N, C-alpha and C. Protein backbone atom coordinates (compact mmCIF):
# COMPACT_ATOMS: atom_id res chain seq x y z
N MET A 1 276.08 158.78 -7.09
CA MET A 1 276.71 160.04 -6.81
C MET A 1 275.62 161.11 -6.65
N VAL A 2 275.98 162.16 -6.01
CA VAL A 2 275.03 163.25 -5.78
C VAL A 2 274.64 163.92 -7.07
N THR A 3 275.58 164.07 -8.00
CA THR A 3 275.26 164.74 -9.26
C THR A 3 274.22 163.94 -10.05
N GLY A 4 274.31 162.62 -9.97
CA GLY A 4 273.31 161.79 -10.65
C GLY A 4 271.94 161.97 -10.04
N SER A 5 271.88 162.16 -8.74
CA SER A 5 270.60 162.37 -8.07
C SER A 5 270.02 163.74 -8.39
N LEU A 6 270.87 164.73 -8.51
CA LEU A 6 270.39 166.09 -8.79
C LEU A 6 270.01 166.27 -10.25
N LEU A 7 270.62 165.49 -11.14
CA LEU A 7 270.37 165.64 -12.57
C LEU A 7 269.54 164.49 -13.12
N PHE A 8 268.56 164.03 -12.35
CA PHE A 8 267.76 162.88 -12.75
C PHE A 8 266.91 163.15 -13.99
N TRP A 9 266.64 164.40 -14.29
CA TRP A 9 265.76 164.75 -15.39
C TRP A 9 266.47 164.72 -16.74
N ILE A 10 267.81 164.59 -16.76
CA ILE A 10 268.55 164.55 -18.02
C ILE A 10 268.52 163.12 -18.54
N PRO A 11 267.99 162.91 -19.76
CA PRO A 11 267.91 161.54 -20.30
C PRO A 11 269.29 161.00 -20.67
N PHE A 12 269.51 159.74 -20.37
CA PHE A 12 270.70 158.99 -20.76
C PHE A 12 271.99 159.61 -20.23
N ASP A 13 271.94 160.36 -19.21
CA ASP A 13 273.11 160.94 -18.54
C ASP A 13 273.82 161.98 -19.41
N LEU A 14 273.93 161.77 -20.70
CA LEU A 14 274.58 162.70 -21.63
C LEU A 14 275.98 163.11 -21.21
N GLY A 15 276.59 162.36 -20.33
CA GLY A 15 277.94 162.65 -19.90
C GLY A 15 278.06 163.78 -18.89
N VAL A 16 276.94 164.34 -18.47
CA VAL A 16 276.98 165.47 -17.54
C VAL A 16 277.50 165.03 -16.19
N THR A 17 276.95 163.97 -15.64
CA THR A 17 277.41 163.52 -14.31
C THR A 17 278.85 163.01 -14.39
N SER A 18 279.21 162.36 -15.49
CA SER A 18 280.58 161.90 -15.65
C SER A 18 281.53 163.09 -15.75
N GLY A 19 281.13 164.09 -16.49
CA GLY A 19 281.96 165.28 -16.63
C GLY A 19 282.16 165.99 -15.31
N VAL A 20 281.10 166.11 -14.54
CA VAL A 20 281.21 166.75 -13.23
C VAL A 20 282.12 165.93 -12.32
N LEU A 21 281.99 164.63 -12.37
CA LEU A 21 282.84 163.77 -11.53
C LEU A 21 284.31 163.90 -11.92
N VAL A 22 284.60 163.94 -13.22
CA VAL A 22 285.99 164.09 -13.66
C VAL A 22 286.53 165.45 -13.24
N ILE A 23 285.72 166.49 -13.34
CA ILE A 23 286.16 167.82 -12.92
C ILE A 23 286.47 167.85 -11.43
N ILE A 24 285.60 167.25 -10.65
CA ILE A 24 285.83 167.22 -9.19
C ILE A 24 287.06 166.39 -8.86
N LEU A 25 287.20 165.23 -9.48
CA LEU A 25 288.36 164.39 -9.20
C LEU A 25 289.66 165.03 -9.69
N SER A 26 289.59 165.79 -10.79
CA SER A 26 290.81 166.39 -11.33
C SER A 26 291.35 167.51 -10.44
N THR A 27 290.56 167.96 -9.47
CA THR A 27 291.11 168.91 -8.51
C THR A 27 291.99 168.22 -7.48
N MET A 28 291.84 166.90 -7.36
CA MET A 28 292.61 166.14 -6.38
C MET A 28 293.71 165.29 -7.00
N MET A 29 293.66 165.08 -8.35
CA MET A 29 294.63 164.23 -9.02
C MET A 29 294.72 164.69 -10.48
N PRO A 30 295.69 164.19 -11.23
CA PRO A 30 295.77 164.55 -12.65
C PRO A 30 294.52 164.10 -13.41
N ALA A 31 294.15 164.87 -14.42
CA ALA A 31 292.92 164.58 -15.17
C ALA A 31 292.92 163.19 -15.83
N PRO A 32 294.03 162.73 -16.44
CA PRO A 32 293.98 161.37 -17.01
C PRO A 32 293.71 160.29 -15.96
N GLN A 33 294.25 160.47 -14.78
CA GLN A 33 294.01 159.50 -13.71
C GLN A 33 292.55 159.56 -13.27
N ALA A 34 291.97 160.74 -13.20
CA ALA A 34 290.56 160.89 -12.84
C ALA A 34 289.68 160.22 -13.89
N LEU A 35 290.03 160.39 -15.16
CA LEU A 35 289.26 159.77 -16.23
C LEU A 35 289.37 158.25 -16.17
N LEU A 36 290.56 157.75 -15.87
CA LEU A 36 290.74 156.30 -15.74
C LEU A 36 289.91 155.74 -14.59
N ILE A 37 289.88 156.44 -13.48
CA ILE A 37 289.06 156.00 -12.34
C ILE A 37 287.59 155.98 -12.73
N LEU A 38 287.14 156.98 -13.47
CA LEU A 38 285.75 157.02 -13.91
C LEU A 38 285.42 155.84 -14.83
N VAL A 39 286.31 155.54 -15.77
CA VAL A 39 286.07 154.42 -16.69
C VAL A 39 286.02 153.10 -15.93
N ILE A 40 286.96 152.91 -14.99
CA ILE A 40 286.97 151.68 -14.19
C ILE A 40 285.69 151.58 -13.37
N TRP A 41 285.25 152.71 -12.81
CA TRP A 41 284.02 152.73 -12.01
C TRP A 41 282.81 152.34 -12.86
N ARG A 42 282.74 152.87 -14.10
CA ARG A 42 281.62 152.54 -14.99
C ARG A 42 281.63 151.06 -15.38
N VAL A 43 282.80 150.53 -15.69
CA VAL A 43 282.90 149.11 -16.06
C VAL A 43 282.51 148.24 -14.87
N TRP A 44 282.99 148.60 -13.68
CA TRP A 44 282.64 147.84 -12.47
C TRP A 44 281.12 147.85 -12.26
N GLY A 45 280.50 149.01 -12.40
CA GLY A 45 279.05 149.10 -12.24
C GLY A 45 278.31 148.25 -13.25
N MET A 46 278.81 148.22 -14.50
CA MET A 46 278.18 147.42 -15.53
C MET A 46 278.30 145.93 -15.20
N LEU A 47 279.48 145.52 -14.71
CA LEU A 47 279.66 144.12 -14.35
C LEU A 47 278.77 143.71 -13.18
N VAL A 48 278.61 144.59 -12.22
CA VAL A 48 277.72 144.30 -11.09
C VAL A 48 276.28 144.16 -11.58
N ASP A 49 275.85 145.07 -12.47
CA ASP A 49 274.49 144.97 -13.01
C ASP A 49 274.29 143.68 -13.78
N LEU A 50 275.26 143.30 -14.59
CA LEU A 50 275.14 142.05 -15.35
C LEU A 50 275.11 140.84 -14.43
N THR A 51 275.90 140.88 -13.38
CA THR A 51 275.92 139.75 -12.42
C THR A 51 274.56 139.62 -11.73
N TRP A 52 274.02 140.72 -11.26
CA TRP A 52 272.70 140.65 -10.60
C TRP A 52 271.61 140.27 -11.60
N GLY A 53 271.73 140.74 -12.83
CA GLY A 53 270.75 140.35 -13.86
C GLY A 53 270.81 138.86 -14.15
N ALA A 54 272.02 138.32 -14.25
CA ALA A 54 272.17 136.88 -14.48
C ALA A 54 271.63 136.09 -13.29
N ALA A 55 271.90 136.59 -12.08
CA ALA A 55 271.38 135.90 -10.89
C ALA A 55 269.87 135.93 -10.88
N GLY A 56 269.29 137.02 -11.30
CA GLY A 56 267.83 137.12 -11.34
C GLY A 56 267.23 136.20 -12.39
N LEU A 57 267.91 136.03 -13.51
CA LEU A 57 267.40 135.16 -14.56
C LEU A 57 267.46 133.68 -14.15
N THR A 58 268.44 133.34 -13.36
CA THR A 58 268.56 131.94 -12.95
C THR A 58 267.55 131.56 -11.89
N LEU A 59 266.99 132.55 -11.21
CA LEU A 59 265.99 132.24 -10.20
C LEU A 59 264.71 132.04 -10.88
């Protein structure tokens, strides 16, 4: 996301980029739905990272 690129200097994300994303999404949909989309997105990203990590270890 763009916010992650602009806030690269903040260590460990600190929830800033997630907060900005939820705020932006909540202008288009209810806040609980925006939060659910964010959680699903984070879990999906983690699963993709783990899959690529496992593939790299097997090589």
